[in-house]
Amino acid sequence: MSGLNHFNQSGQAHMVDVGSKKATHRIAVSTGTIHMKASTLEKILEGNHKKGDVLGIARIAGIMASKRTADLIPLCHPLPLTHVEIDLEAQPENHCILCTTTAETIHLTGVEMESLTATQITLLTIYDMCKAIDRGMVIGNIQLMEKVGGKSGHWKKENEE
């Protein structure tokens, strides 16, 4: 079980003890996409969707989700978030929306899960609000792009092209 710190020496799940760690400024950036019909994206961007401002509501849902991450993911430490920013970029050439979430804290453990949770819920909210006109939307490519702070320092996803 080496490398998996959510298991003790007996192989039982436990919450990792972060009590001896130093509080540092920690940042995590994650991304994900939702692909849809061109007409669905057009409706979202025009702002005339019958359910209202799809991107604004999705952004708020993502921020709310980041604050509830420890309630959703077992063994995840509750964190006092200092900042959460969700950027939604329409990519008409790909018929998708790219979600980029940045989460920050000054705490004993990282904010990767908060960033990833916010990205997922943001994209799921877009799906929920548009499913009546496009059930074939595809959410994907959810990934951590960068993390800063803590003992392991700075990590950035390598470009795999």
N, C-alpha and C. Protein backbone atom coordinates (compact mmCIF):
# COMPACT_ATOMS: atom_id res chain seq x y z
N MET A 1 0.81 -1.19 0.00
CA MET A 1 0.00 0.00 0.00
C MET A 1 0.86 1.26 0.00
N SER A 2 2.16 1.14 -0.25
CA SER A 2 3.03 2.31 -0.18
C SER A 2 2.58 3.36 -1.18
N GLY A 3 2.67 4.63 -0.76
CA GLY A 3 2.27 5.73 -1.62
C GLY A 3 0.81 6.13 -1.46
N LEU A 4 -0.01 5.27 -0.90
CA LEU A 4 -1.42 5.60 -0.69
C LEU A 4 -1.59 5.99 0.77
N ASN A 5 -1.58 7.27 1.04
CA ASN A 5 -1.58 7.71 2.43
C ASN A 5 -2.95 7.72 3.11
N HIS A 6 -4.00 7.30 2.41
CA HIS A 6 -5.31 7.20 3.05
C HIS A 6 -5.55 5.81 3.64
N PHE A 7 -4.51 5.00 3.65
CA PHE A 7 -4.59 3.68 4.26
C PHE A 7 -3.50 3.56 5.32
N ASN A 8 -3.86 3.00 6.48
CA ASN A 8 -2.85 2.82 7.51
C ASN A 8 -2.04 1.56 7.24
N GLN A 9 -1.15 1.20 8.14
CA GLN A 9 -0.28 0.03 7.92
C GLN A 9 -1.04 -1.28 7.87
N SER A 10 -2.24 -1.28 8.43
CA SER A 10 -3.08 -2.49 8.39
C SER A 10 -3.95 -2.53 7.14
N GLY A 11 -3.86 -1.50 6.30
CA GLY A 11 -4.66 -1.46 5.08
C GLY A 11 -6.05 -0.89 5.27
N GLN A 12 -6.31 -0.32 6.44
CA GLN A 12 -7.62 0.26 6.71
C GLN A 12 -7.63 1.73 6.32
N ALA A 13 -8.74 2.19 5.78
CA ALA A 13 -8.88 3.58 5.41
C ALA A 13 -8.87 4.46 6.65
N HIS A 14 -8.19 5.59 6.57
CA HIS A 14 -8.18 6.55 7.66
C HIS A 14 -7.95 7.95 7.10
N MET A 15 -8.29 8.95 7.91
CA MET A 15 -8.04 10.33 7.50
C MET A 15 -6.58 10.64 7.81
N VAL A 16 -5.87 11.16 6.84
CA VAL A 16 -4.45 11.47 6.99
C VAL A 16 -4.26 12.53 8.07
N ASP A 17 -3.28 12.33 8.94
CA ASP A 17 -2.95 13.29 9.98
C ASP A 17 -2.08 14.39 9.38
N VAL A 18 -2.62 15.60 9.29
CA VAL A 18 -1.86 16.72 8.73
C VAL A 18 -1.43 17.69 9.84
N GLY A 19 -1.60 17.29 11.08
CA GLY A 19 -1.34 18.16 12.22
C GLY A 19 0.08 18.68 12.32
N SER A 20 1.05 17.94 11.80
CA SER A 20 2.45 18.39 11.89
C SER A 20 2.89 19.20 10.68
N LYS A 21 1.99 19.36 9.70
CA LYS A 21 2.35 20.13 8.51
C LYS A 21 2.28 21.62 8.80
N LYS A 22 2.97 22.39 7.96
CA LYS A 22 2.95 23.84 8.06
C LYS A 22 1.83 24.41 7.20
N ALA A 23 1.17 25.42 7.72
CA ALA A 23 0.17 26.12 6.91
C ALA A 23 0.92 26.96 5.88
N THR A 24 0.61 26.73 4.62
CA THR A 24 1.21 27.51 3.54
C THR A 24 0.12 27.92 2.57
N HIS A 25 0.45 28.90 1.72
CA HIS A 25 -0.47 29.32 0.67
C HIS A 25 -0.49 28.22 -0.38
N ARG A 26 -1.65 27.70 -0.67
CA ARG A 26 -1.79 26.58 -1.60
C ARG A 26 -2.79 26.95 -2.69
N ILE A 27 -2.44 26.56 -3.90
CA ILE A 27 -3.26 26.86 -5.07
C ILE A 27 -3.40 25.59 -5.90
N ALA A 28 -4.57 25.35 -6.43
CA ALA A 28 -4.78 24.24 -7.37
C ALA A 28 -5.60 24.76 -8.54
N VAL A 29 -5.19 24.35 -9.74
CA VAL A 29 -5.90 24.72 -10.96
C VAL A 29 -6.32 23.45 -11.68
N SER A 30 -7.59 23.35 -12.02
CA SER A 30 -8.08 22.18 -12.75
C SER A 30 -8.90 22.65 -13.95
N THR A 31 -9.04 21.75 -14.91
CA THR A 31 -9.84 22.07 -16.10
C THR A 31 -10.74 20.90 -16.45
N GLY A 32 -11.72 21.20 -17.29
CA GLY A 32 -12.61 20.18 -17.83
C GLY A 32 -13.43 20.81 -18.94
N THR A 33 -14.06 19.98 -19.75
CA THR A 33 -14.86 20.49 -20.86
C THR A 33 -16.23 19.84 -20.90
N ILE A 34 -17.14 20.53 -21.55
CA ILE A 34 -18.43 19.95 -21.89
C ILE A 34 -18.67 20.24 -23.37
N HIS A 35 -18.81 19.16 -24.14
CA HIS A 35 -19.07 19.26 -25.57
C HIS A 35 -20.56 19.14 -25.80
N MET A 36 -21.05 19.88 -26.80
CA MET A 36 -22.49 19.93 -27.05
C MET A 36 -22.74 20.26 -28.52
N LYS A 37 -24.01 20.24 -28.89
CA LYS A 37 -24.39 20.66 -30.24
C LYS A 37 -24.06 22.15 -30.39
N ALA A 38 -23.74 22.54 -31.61
CA ALA A 38 -23.46 23.95 -31.89
C ALA A 38 -24.64 24.82 -31.50
N SER A 39 -25.85 24.33 -31.75
CA SER A 39 -27.05 25.13 -31.44
C SER A 39 -27.23 25.31 -29.93
N THR A 40 -26.80 24.34 -29.14
CA THR A 40 -26.88 24.45 -27.68
C THR A 40 -25.92 25.53 -27.20
N LEU A 41 -24.70 25.47 -27.69
CA LEU A 41 -23.71 26.48 -27.31
C LEU A 41 -24.17 27.88 -27.72
N GLU A 42 -24.73 27.99 -28.88
CA GLU A 42 -25.24 29.27 -29.37
C GLU A 42 -26.32 29.82 -28.44
N LYS A 43 -27.23 28.96 -28.03
CA LYS A 43 -28.31 29.37 -27.12
C LYS A 43 -27.74 29.85 -25.78
N ILE A 44 -26.73 29.14 -25.27
CA ILE A 44 -26.09 29.54 -24.01
C ILE A 44 -25.45 30.91 -24.16
N LEU A 45 -24.70 31.09 -25.24
CA LEU A 45 -23.97 32.34 -25.44
C LEU A 45 -24.88 33.53 -25.72
N GLU A 46 -26.00 33.29 -26.37
CA GLU A 46 -26.95 34.37 -26.63
C GLU A 46 -27.67 34.80 -25.36
N GLY A 47 -27.67 33.94 -24.35
CA GLY A 47 -28.30 34.28 -23.09
C GLY A 47 -29.81 34.19 -23.09
N ASN A 48 -30.36 33.52 -24.11
CA ASN A 48 -31.83 33.43 -24.16
C ASN A 48 -32.34 32.04 -23.80
N HIS A 49 -31.56 31.32 -23.01
CA HIS A 49 -31.99 30.01 -22.54
C HIS A 49 -33.14 30.21 -21.56
N LYS A 50 -34.18 29.40 -21.67
CA LYS A 50 -35.37 29.63 -20.85
C LYS A 50 -35.11 29.47 -19.35
N LYS A 51 -34.01 28.79 -18.97
CA LYS A 51 -33.70 28.64 -17.55
C LYS A 51 -32.84 29.78 -17.01
N GLY A 52 -32.44 30.71 -17.87
CA GLY A 52 -31.67 31.86 -17.40
C GLY A 52 -30.21 31.81 -17.81
N ASP A 53 -29.39 32.51 -17.05
CA ASP A 53 -27.95 32.66 -17.31
C ASP A 53 -27.23 31.36 -16.95
N VAL A 54 -27.09 30.48 -17.93
CA VAL A 54 -26.52 29.15 -17.70
C VAL A 54 -25.11 29.25 -17.10
N LEU A 55 -24.26 30.06 -17.69
CA LEU A 55 -22.87 30.12 -17.23
C LEU A 55 -22.76 30.77 -15.85
N GLY A 56 -23.55 31.79 -15.59
CA GLY A 56 -23.54 32.43 -14.27
C GLY A 56 -24.00 31.48 -13.17
N ILE A 57 -25.05 30.76 -13.44
CA ILE A 57 -25.57 29.81 -12.45
C ILE A 57 -24.59 28.66 -12.25
N ALA A 58 -23.99 28.17 -13.33
CA ALA A 58 -23.01 27.08 -13.24
C ALA A 58 -21.80 27.52 -12.42
N ARG A 59 -21.36 28.75 -12.64
CA ARG A 59 -20.21 29.27 -11.89
C ARG A 59 -20.51 29.29 -10.39
N ILE A 60 -21.68 29.76 -10.02
CA ILE A 60 -22.05 29.80 -8.59
C ILE A 60 -22.16 28.39 -8.03
N ALA A 61 -22.72 27.46 -8.80
CA ALA A 61 -22.81 26.07 -8.34
C ALA A 61 -21.43 25.50 -8.07
N GLY A 62 -20.48 25.79 -8.95
CA GLY A 62 -19.12 25.29 -8.76
C GLY A 62 -18.46 25.85 -7.52
N ILE A 63 -18.64 27.14 -7.29
CA ILE A 63 -18.08 27.76 -6.08
C ILE A 63 -18.70 27.14 -4.84
N MET A 64 -20.01 26.97 -4.85
CA MET A 64 -20.69 26.35 -3.71
C MET A 64 -20.17 24.93 -3.48
N ALA A 65 -19.97 24.18 -4.55
CA ALA A 65 -19.48 22.80 -4.44
C ALA A 65 -18.08 22.75 -3.85
N SER A 66 -17.22 23.70 -4.24
CA SER A 66 -15.86 23.70 -3.71
C SER A 66 -15.88 23.81 -2.19
N LYS A 67 -16.82 24.56 -1.66
CA LYS A 67 -16.92 24.75 -0.22
C LYS A 67 -17.50 23.53 0.50
N ARG A 68 -18.08 22.60 -0.26
CA ARG A 68 -18.70 21.40 0.34
C ARG A 68 -17.92 20.12 0.03
N THR A 69 -16.71 20.25 -0.50
CA THR A 69 -15.95 19.09 -0.94
C THR A 69 -15.78 18.04 0.16
N ALA A 70 -15.44 18.47 1.35
CA ALA A 70 -15.23 17.51 2.45
C ALA A 70 -16.51 16.76 2.82
N ASP A 71 -17.67 17.31 2.49
CA ASP A 71 -18.93 16.62 2.74
C ASP A 71 -19.20 15.55 1.68
N LEU A 72 -18.56 15.69 0.53
CA LEU A 72 -18.81 14.80 -0.60
C LEU A 72 -17.79 13.68 -0.76
N ILE A 73 -16.54 13.95 -0.37
CA ILE A 73 -15.46 12.99 -0.60
C ILE A 73 -14.97 12.47 0.75
N PRO A 74 -15.14 11.18 0.99
CA PRO A 74 -14.72 10.61 2.27
C PRO A 74 -13.22 10.87 2.51
N LEU A 75 -12.88 11.15 3.74
CA LEU A 75 -11.51 11.34 4.21
C LEU A 75 -10.86 12.63 3.73
N CYS A 76 -11.61 13.49 3.06
CA CYS A 76 -11.10 14.77 2.59
C CYS A 76 -11.22 15.78 3.73
N HIS A 77 -10.14 16.51 4.01
CA HIS A 77 -10.15 17.49 5.09
C HIS A 77 -10.98 18.72 4.70
N PRO A 78 -11.80 19.23 5.62
CA PRO A 78 -12.49 20.49 5.34
C PRO A 78 -11.47 21.64 5.36
N LEU A 79 -11.54 22.50 4.34
CA LEU A 79 -10.56 23.58 4.23
C LEU A 79 -11.24 24.95 4.21
N PRO A 80 -10.61 25.93 4.84
CA PRO A 80 -11.10 27.30 4.72
C PRO A 80 -10.56 27.89 3.41
N LEU A 81 -11.39 27.98 2.42
CA LEU A 81 -10.96 28.50 1.13
C LEU A 81 -10.82 30.02 1.20
N THR A 82 -9.75 30.54 0.62
CA THR A 82 -9.55 31.98 0.59
C THR A 82 -9.98 32.58 -0.74
N HIS A 83 -10.05 31.74 -1.78
CA HIS A 83 -10.45 32.24 -3.10
C HIS A 83 -10.81 31.06 -4.00
N VAL A 84 -11.86 31.22 -4.76
CA VAL A 84 -12.23 30.26 -5.80
C VAL A 84 -12.65 31.07 -7.02
N GLU A 85 -12.02 30.79 -8.15
CA GLU A 85 -12.36 31.48 -9.39
C GLU A 85 -12.65 30.44 -10.46
N ILE A 86 -13.76 30.63 -11.14
CA ILE A 86 -14.16 29.71 -12.21
C ILE A 86 -14.29 30.50 -13.50
N ASP A 87 -13.49 30.12 -14.47
CA ASP A 87 -13.51 30.77 -15.78
C ASP A 87 -14.16 29.82 -16.77
N LEU A 88 -15.15 30.31 -17.48
CA LEU A 88 -15.84 29.51 -18.50
C LEU A 88 -15.59 30.14 -19.86
N GLU A 89 -14.90 29.39 -20.71
CA GLU A 89 -14.51 29.89 -22.02
C GLU A 89 -15.21 29.08 -23.11
N ALA A 90 -16.04 29.74 -23.88
CA ALA A 90 -16.69 29.07 -25.00
C ALA A 90 -15.67 28.84 -26.10
N GLN A 91 -15.71 27.66 -26.68
CA GLN A 91 -14.85 27.32 -27.81
C GLN A 91 -15.75 26.86 -28.96
N PRO A 92 -16.31 27.84 -29.69
CA PRO A 92 -17.28 27.52 -30.74
C PRO A 92 -16.74 26.56 -31.80
N GLU A 93 -15.45 26.64 -32.11
CA GLU A 93 -14.87 25.75 -33.12
C GLU A 93 -14.92 24.28 -32.70
N ASN A 94 -14.97 24.03 -31.39
CA ASN A 94 -15.05 22.66 -30.86
C ASN A 94 -16.42 22.34 -30.27
N HIS A 95 -17.35 23.29 -30.34
CA HIS A 95 -18.70 23.12 -29.76
C HIS A 95 -18.62 22.74 -28.28
N CYS A 96 -17.78 23.46 -27.55
CA CYS A 96 -17.64 23.12 -26.13
C CYS A 96 -17.37 24.35 -25.29
N ILE A 97 -17.43 24.12 -24.00
CA ILE A 97 -17.07 25.13 -23.01
C ILE A 97 -15.95 24.54 -22.18
N LEU A 98 -14.87 25.29 -22.03
CA LEU A 98 -13.75 24.91 -21.19
C LEU A 98 -13.93 25.58 -19.84
N CYS A 99 -13.89 24.78 -18.79
CA CYS A 99 -13.98 25.30 -17.42
C CYS A 99 -12.59 25.22 -16.79
N THR A 100 -12.13 26.35 -16.26
CA THR A 100 -10.87 26.38 -15.53
C THR A 100 -11.16 26.90 -14.13
N THR A 101 -10.81 26.11 -13.14
CA THR A 101 -11.07 26.47 -11.74
C THR A 101 -9.75 26.65 -11.01
N THR A 102 -9.65 27.76 -10.29
CA THR A 102 -8.51 28.01 -9.41
C THR A 102 -9.05 28.10 -7.99
N ALA A 103 -8.51 27.26 -7.11
CA ALA A 103 -8.90 27.28 -5.70
C ALA A 103 -7.67 27.60 -4.85
N GLU A 104 -7.87 28.38 -3.80
CA GLU A 104 -6.75 28.78 -2.94
C GLU A 104 -7.12 28.67 -1.47
N THR A 105 -6.10 28.40 -0.66
CA THR A 105 -6.25 28.38 0.79
C THR A 105 -4.89 28.68 1.42
N ILE A 106 -4.91 29.00 2.68
CA ILE A 106 -3.70 29.01 3.49
C ILE A 106 -3.99 28.00 4.57
N HIS A 107 -3.42 26.81 4.39
CA HIS A 107 -3.79 25.71 5.29
C HIS A 107 -2.71 24.62 5.30
N LEU A 108 -3.03 23.51 5.97
CA LEU A 108 -2.09 22.42 6.17
C LEU A 108 -2.06 21.40 5.03
N THR A 109 -3.06 21.43 4.17
CA THR A 109 -3.15 20.45 3.09
C THR A 109 -3.69 21.14 1.84
N GLY A 110 -3.49 20.50 0.70
CA GLY A 110 -3.78 21.12 -0.59
C GLY A 110 -5.24 21.23 -0.95
N VAL A 111 -5.50 21.96 -2.03
CA VAL A 111 -6.86 22.26 -2.47
C VAL A 111 -7.20 21.62 -3.82
N GLU A 112 -6.48 20.55 -4.16
CA GLU A 112 -6.74 19.89 -5.43
C GLU A 112 -8.16 19.38 -5.53
N MET A 113 -8.65 18.75 -4.48
CA MET A 113 -9.99 18.17 -4.53
C MET A 113 -11.07 19.24 -4.63
N GLU A 114 -10.85 20.39 -3.99
CA GLU A 114 -11.81 21.48 -4.07
C GLU A 114 -11.88 22.03 -5.50
N SER A 115 -10.72 22.16 -6.13
CA SER A 115 -10.69 22.65 -7.51
C SER A 115 -11.36 21.65 -8.45
N LEU A 116 -11.03 20.38 -8.33
CA LEU A 116 -11.61 19.34 -9.20
C LEU A 116 -13.12 19.20 -8.97
N THR A 117 -13.56 19.28 -7.73
CA THR A 117 -14.99 19.19 -7.43
C THR A 117 -15.74 20.37 -8.05
N ALA A 118 -15.18 21.56 -7.91
CA ALA A 118 -15.82 22.74 -8.49
C ALA A 118 -15.94 22.61 -10.01
N THR A 119 -14.90 22.12 -10.66
CA THR A 119 -14.93 21.95 -12.11
C THR A 119 -16.03 20.97 -12.50
N GLN A 120 -16.10 19.83 -11.83
CA GLN A 120 -17.12 18.82 -12.14
C GLN A 120 -18.53 19.37 -11.97
N ILE A 121 -18.78 20.01 -10.85
CA ILE A 121 -20.14 20.49 -10.57
C ILE A 121 -20.52 21.64 -11.49
N THR A 122 -19.57 22.48 -11.85
CA THR A 122 -19.84 23.54 -12.83
C THR A 122 -20.33 22.92 -14.13
N LEU A 123 -19.60 21.93 -14.62
CA LEU A 123 -19.95 21.29 -15.89
C LEU A 123 -21.26 20.50 -15.78
N LEU A 124 -21.47 19.84 -14.66
CA LEU A 124 -22.73 19.11 -14.45
C LEU A 124 -23.92 20.07 -14.41
N THR A 125 -23.72 21.27 -13.88
CA THR A 125 -24.80 22.25 -13.85
C THR A 125 -25.16 22.71 -15.25
N ILE A 126 -24.14 22.92 -16.09
CA ILE A 126 -24.41 23.26 -17.50
C ILE A 126 -25.22 22.14 -18.13
N TYR A 127 -24.81 20.89 -17.89
CA TYR A 127 -25.55 19.75 -18.43
C TYR A 127 -27.00 19.78 -17.95
N ASP A 128 -27.18 19.94 -16.66
CA ASP A 128 -28.53 19.92 -16.08
C ASP A 128 -29.41 21.00 -16.69
N MET A 129 -28.86 22.18 -16.88
CA MET A 129 -29.66 23.28 -17.39
C MET A 129 -29.98 23.14 -18.88
N CYS A 130 -29.19 22.36 -19.60
CA CYS A 130 -29.37 22.25 -21.06
C CYS A 130 -29.82 20.87 -21.53
N LYS A 131 -30.01 19.94 -20.62
CA LYS A 131 -30.32 18.56 -21.03
C LYS A 131 -31.63 18.45 -21.80
N ALA A 132 -32.55 19.34 -21.58
CA ALA A 132 -33.83 19.27 -22.30
C ALA A 132 -33.66 19.50 -23.80
N ILE A 133 -32.61 20.22 -24.18
CA ILE A 133 -32.39 20.48 -25.61
C ILE A 133 -31.21 19.68 -26.18
N ASP A 134 -30.40 19.05 -25.30
CA ASP A 134 -29.22 18.33 -25.78
C ASP A 134 -28.77 17.29 -24.76
N ARG A 135 -29.40 16.13 -24.79
CA ARG A 135 -29.03 15.07 -23.84
C ARG A 135 -27.69 14.41 -24.18
N GLY A 136 -27.17 14.66 -25.37
CA GLY A 136 -25.93 14.03 -25.81
C GLY A 136 -24.66 14.78 -25.42
N MET A 137 -24.76 15.78 -24.57
CA MET A 137 -23.56 16.51 -24.15
C MET A 137 -22.59 15.56 -23.47
N VAL A 138 -21.29 15.83 -23.62
CA VAL A 138 -20.26 14.96 -23.05
C VAL A 138 -19.33 15.79 -22.18
N ILE A 139 -19.24 15.39 -20.92
CA ILE A 139 -18.32 16.03 -19.98
C ILE A 139 -17.05 15.19 -19.95
N GLY A 140 -15.90 15.86 -20.00
CA GLY A 140 -14.66 15.09 -19.98
C GLY A 140 -13.43 15.92 -19.70
N ASN A 141 -12.31 15.24 -19.79
CA ASN A 141 -10.99 15.85 -19.63
C ASN A 141 -10.83 16.58 -18.30
N ILE A 142 -11.46 16.07 -17.25
CA ILE A 142 -11.33 16.68 -15.93
C ILE A 142 -9.93 16.32 -15.43
N GLN A 143 -9.14 17.36 -15.13
CA GLN A 143 -7.76 17.08 -14.73
C GLN A 143 -7.16 18.22 -13.94
N LEU A 144 -6.23 17.85 -13.07
CA LEU A 144 -5.45 18.83 -12.35
C LEU A 144 -4.37 19.35 -13.30
N MET A 145 -4.27 20.66 -13.41
CA MET A 145 -3.28 21.26 -14.30
C MET A 145 -2.05 21.78 -13.55
N GLU A 146 -2.29 22.22 -12.31
CA GLU A 146 -1.18 22.80 -11.55
C GLU A 146 -1.54 22.83 -10.08
N LYS A 147 -0.52 22.68 -9.23
CA LYS A 147 -0.68 22.87 -7.80
C LYS A 147 0.56 23.55 -7.27
N VAL A 148 0.33 24.44 -6.31
CA VAL A 148 1.41 25.22 -5.73
C VAL A 148 1.29 25.14 -4.21
N GLY A 149 2.43 25.00 -3.53
CA GLY A 149 2.45 25.05 -2.07
C GLY A 149 2.61 23.69 -1.43
N GLY A 150 2.87 23.73 -0.15
CA GLY A 150 3.05 22.50 0.61
C GLY A 150 4.44 21.91 0.45
N LYS A 151 4.62 20.77 1.08
CA LYS A 151 5.92 20.11 1.10
C LYS A 151 6.40 19.71 -0.29
N SER A 152 5.48 19.29 -1.15
CA SER A 152 5.88 18.83 -2.49
C SER A 152 6.09 20.00 -3.45
N GLY A 153 5.77 21.22 -3.04
CA GLY A 153 6.07 22.39 -3.84
C GLY A 153 5.17 22.59 -5.04
N HIS A 154 5.79 23.00 -6.14
CA HIS A 154 5.06 23.36 -7.35
C HIS A 154 5.06 22.19 -8.32
N TRP A 155 3.88 21.85 -8.84
CA TRP A 155 3.73 20.81 -9.85
C TRP A 155 2.87 21.37 -10.97
N LYS A 156 3.28 21.10 -12.20
CA LYS A 156 2.51 21.56 -13.35
C LYS A 156 2.42 20.41 -14.35
N LYS A 157 1.23 20.19 -14.88
CA LYS A 157 1.02 19.12 -15.88
C LYS A 157 1.86 19.43 -17.09
N GLU A 158 2.58 18.44 -17.55
CA GLU A 158 3.41 18.57 -18.74
C GLU A 158 2.54 18.52 -19.98
N ASN A 159 2.88 19.32 -20.94
CA ASN A 159 2.18 19.30 -22.23
C ASN A 159 2.53 17.98 -22.92
N GLU A 160 1.52 17.20 -23.27
CA GLU A 160 1.75 15.85 -23.80
C GLU A 160 1.70 15.81 -25.33
N GLU A 161 1.82 16.94 -25.98
CA GLU A 161 1.74 16.95 -27.45
C GLU A 161 3.04 16.51 -28.07
